[in-house]
Amino acid sequence: MSDDKDVQVIRVPNTLKKKVGKGRGVKPEMLEEAQRKVDAMKPEYETWSGADLTRLYEIYEKALSDPGQRDHHMTDLFEKAHNMRGDGGSYEYPLVTQIAGSLSSFIEDTEKPDPKDFEVIKAHLDALAVVIGQKMSGDGGAIGKVLVKELETVVKTVEERRKPRSGG
């Protein structure tokens, strides 16, 4: 047990109210207006996400065919997938968020991609193509659950392969 003299309490002043000012917080009508604007852009999201997916496939092909620039292409793949992850939930496409999130995490955990890694990346792109092509908003029902489960299995298999084996 420690002595009271061993403990120092540091109180940090909360200066946020001073900076924001009294009564300047986010007002409900501001949030409602923002939501209306997002809702108005939902039809455009389907076009954007299709273009984003096309770009992902293009970057994927470059990463496969241009080993000298592979690190650069993998970074581009990660960034595009990460952005799609952020957009999906805003436009009621949580499957896009989930799949693109899985893809960006997988890429982030991949130091030097090998052919199996590229198969996993392609599986993610193909899953996104199904979700976007079929306009699978929400959880995607039974098909959405199967897509997510299959991707999880593929990722887990590759991650298991990456683990160092203890030898005897």
Protein backbone atom coordinates (compact mmCIF):
# COMPACT_ATOMS: atom_id res chain seq x y z
CA MET A 1 0.00 0.00 0.00
CA SER A 2 1.32 3.42 -0.86
CA ASP A 3 1.49 6.46 1.32
CA ASP A 4 -0.73 9.45 0.44
CA LYS A 5 2.45 11.39 -0.22
CA ASP A 6 3.18 9.05 -3.16
CA VAL A 7 0.08 10.14 -5.05
CA GLN A 8 -0.23 13.39 -6.91
CA VAL A 9 -3.57 14.40 -8.37
CA ILE A 10 -3.37 16.69 -11.34
CA ARG A 11 -6.57 18.52 -12.25
CA VAL A 12 -6.69 19.73 -15.82
CA PRO A 13 -9.09 22.62 -16.34
CA ASN A 14 -11.85 22.07 -18.88
CA THR A 15 -11.47 25.07 -21.17
CA LEU A 16 -13.76 23.80 -23.93
CA LYS A 17 -16.79 25.80 -22.74
CA LYS A 18 -14.72 28.97 -22.76
CA LYS A 19 -13.61 28.28 -26.32
CA VAL A 20 -17.05 27.35 -27.64
CA GLY A 21 -18.96 29.95 -25.70
CA LYS A 22 -22.25 29.70 -23.94
CA GLY A 23 -25.09 28.33 -26.05
CA ARG A 24 -22.93 27.62 -29.10
CA GLY A 25 -23.09 23.84 -29.02
CA VAL A 26 -24.50 21.76 -31.84
CA LYS A 27 -28.17 22.52 -32.17
CA PRO A 28 -30.66 19.78 -33.10
CA GLU A 29 -31.78 21.72 -36.17
CA MET A 30 -28.18 21.80 -37.41
CA LEU A 31 -27.96 18.02 -37.08
CA GLU A 32 -31.30 17.58 -38.85
CA GLU A 33 -30.14 19.79 -41.72
CA ALA A 34 -26.91 17.81 -42.03
CA GLN A 35 -28.90 14.57 -42.12
CA ARG A 36 -31.18 15.96 -44.84
CA LYS A 37 -28.12 16.79 -46.94
CA VAL A 38 -26.68 13.31 -46.48
CA ASP A 39 -30.05 11.76 -47.36
CA ALA A 40 -30.23 13.88 -50.51
CA MET A 41 -26.83 12.55 -51.61
CA LYS A 42 -27.70 8.85 -51.11
CA PRO A 43 -28.64 8.27 -54.78
CA GLU A 44 -25.29 9.75 -55.81
CA TYR A 45 -23.49 7.40 -53.42
CA GLU A 46 -24.33 4.43 -55.62
CA THR A 47 -22.53 6.12 -58.51
CA TRP A 48 -19.58 7.16 -56.33
CA SER A 49 -19.18 3.75 -54.80
CA GLY A 50 -19.22 2.13 -58.23
CA ALA A 51 -16.49 4.50 -59.38
CA ASP A 52 -14.52 3.81 -56.19
CA LEU A 53 -14.81 0.08 -56.79
CA THR A 54 -13.62 0.46 -60.38
CA ARG A 55 -10.63 2.40 -59.07
CA LEU A 56 -9.91 -0.33 -56.48
CA TYR A 57 -9.83 -2.96 -59.24
CA GLU A 58 -7.48 -0.77 -61.30
CA ILE A 59 -5.09 -0.29 -58.37
CA TYR A 60 -5.27 -4.02 -57.59
CA GLU A 61 -4.24 -4.86 -61.17
CA LYS A 62 -1.34 -2.40 -60.96
CA ALA A 63 -0.20 -3.92 -57.66
CA LEU A 64 -0.19 -7.36 -59.30
CA SER A 65 1.56 -6.33 -62.49
CA ASP A 66 4.04 -3.74 -61.21
CA PRO A 67 6.17 -5.27 -58.43
CA GLY A 68 8.56 -2.31 -58.50
CA GLN A 69 5.78 0.02 -57.39
CA ARG A 70 3.84 -2.54 -55.32
CA ASP A 71 4.29 -0.70 -52.02
CA HIS A 72 2.88 2.46 -53.57
CA HIS A 73 -0.08 0.59 -55.06
CA MET A 74 -0.78 -1.19 -51.78
CA THR A 75 -0.85 2.18 -50.03
CA ASP A 76 -3.32 3.43 -52.64
CA LEU A 77 -5.46 0.32 -52.17
CA PHE A 78 -5.46 0.83 -48.42
CA GLU A 79 -6.42 4.50 -48.69
CA LYS A 80 -9.25 3.90 -51.17
CA ALA A 81 -10.64 0.99 -49.10
CA HIS A 82 -10.34 3.05 -45.92
CA ASN A 83 -12.29 5.91 -47.52
CA MET A 84 -14.99 3.53 -48.73
CA ARG A 85 -15.20 2.16 -45.20
CA GLY A 86 -15.97 5.63 -43.91
CA ASP A 87 -18.55 6.43 -46.58
CA GLY A 88 -20.58 3.21 -46.44
CA GLY A 89 -22.17 3.76 -43.04
CA SER A 90 -23.06 7.36 -43.84
CA TYR A 91 -25.19 6.22 -46.77
CA GLU A 92 -26.81 3.15 -45.18
CA TYR A 93 -24.42 0.64 -46.71
CA PRO A 94 -22.93 -0.95 -43.59
CA LEU A 95 -21.78 -3.96 -45.63
CA VAL A 96 -19.54 -1.67 -47.66
CA THR A 97 -18.17 -0.33 -44.39
CA GLN A 98 -17.63 -3.83 -43.02
CA ILE A 99 -16.03 -5.30 -46.16
CA ALA A 100 -13.90 -2.24 -46.95
CA GLY A 101 -12.85 -2.14 -43.29
CA SER A 102 -11.82 -5.78 -43.45
CA LEU A 103 -9.90 -5.09 -46.66
CA SER A 104 -8.08 -2.06 -45.26
CA SER A 105 -7.17 -3.99 -42.09
CA PHE A 106 -5.92 -6.91 -44.16
CA ILE A 107 -3.78 -4.65 -46.33
CA GLU A 108 -2.43 -2.88 -43.26
CA ASP A 109 -1.37 -6.23 -41.79
CA THR A 110 0.27 -7.39 -45.06
CA GLU A 111 3.95 -6.52 -45.31
CA LYS A 112 4.95 -8.22 -48.55
CA PRO A 113 1.89 -9.54 -50.37
CA ASP A 114 2.14 -12.97 -51.93
CA PRO A 115 -0.29 -14.67 -54.35
CA LYS A 116 -2.56 -15.86 -51.50
CA ASP A 117 -2.76 -12.30 -50.16
CA PHE A 118 -3.80 -11.06 -53.58
CA GLU A 119 -6.53 -13.71 -53.64
CA VAL A 120 -7.87 -12.33 -50.35
CA ILE A 121 -7.78 -8.78 -51.70
CA LYS A 122 -9.62 -9.91 -54.84
CA ALA A 123 -12.23 -11.71 -52.73
CA HIS A 124 -12.91 -8.44 -50.90
CA LEU A 125 -13.22 -6.53 -54.16
CA ASP A 126 -15.59 -9.13 -55.56
CA ALA A 127 -17.70 -8.98 -52.37
CA LEU A 128 -17.87 -5.20 -52.66
CA ALA A 129 -18.92 -5.63 -56.30
CA VAL A 130 -21.84 -7.82 -55.21
CA VAL A 131 -22.95 -5.40 -52.49
CA ILE A 132 -22.68 -2.32 -54.70
CA GLY A 133 -24.01 -4.02 -57.84
CA GLN A 134 -27.03 -5.43 -56.02
CA LYS A 135 -27.53 -2.20 -54.03
CA MET A 136 -27.44 -4.19 -50.81
CA SER A 137 -28.14 -1.55 -48.21
CA GLY A 138 -28.58 -2.54 -44.59
CA ASP A 139 -27.09 -5.87 -43.56
CA GLY A 140 -27.75 -7.46 -46.95
CA GLY A 141 -29.87 -10.23 -45.47
CA ALA A 142 -28.78 -13.83 -45.94
CA ILE A 143 -26.49 -13.03 -48.87
CA GLY A 144 -24.76 -10.29 -46.88
CA LYS A 145 -24.19 -12.64 -43.97
CA VAL A 146 -22.70 -15.29 -46.26
CA LEU A 147 -20.38 -12.75 -47.92
CA VAL A 148 -19.09 -11.51 -44.58
CA LYS A 149 -18.69 -15.04 -43.17
CA GLU A 150 -16.77 -16.22 -46.25
CA LEU A 151 -14.44 -13.22 -46.12
CA GLU A 152 -13.80 -13.78 -42.42
CA THR A 153 -12.92 -17.41 -43.14
CA VAL A 154 -10.56 -16.51 -45.99
CA VAL A 155 -8.82 -13.82 -43.92
CA LYS A 156 -8.49 -16.13 -40.93
CA THR A 157 -6.97 -18.88 -43.09
CA VAL A 158 -4.33 -16.52 -44.48
CA GLU A 159 -3.59 -15.05 -41.06
CA GLU A 160 -3.10 -18.56 -39.65
CA ARG A 161 -0.64 -19.28 -42.47
CA ARG A 162 1.34 -16.16 -41.52
CA LYS A 163 1.80 -17.17 -37.88
CA PRO A 164 5.26 -18.50 -37.10
CA ARG A 165 5.23 -22.20 -36.44
CA SER A 166 6.89 -23.48 -33.30
CA GLY A 167 9.24 -26.28 -34.26
CA GLY A 168 10.50 -29.17 -32.27
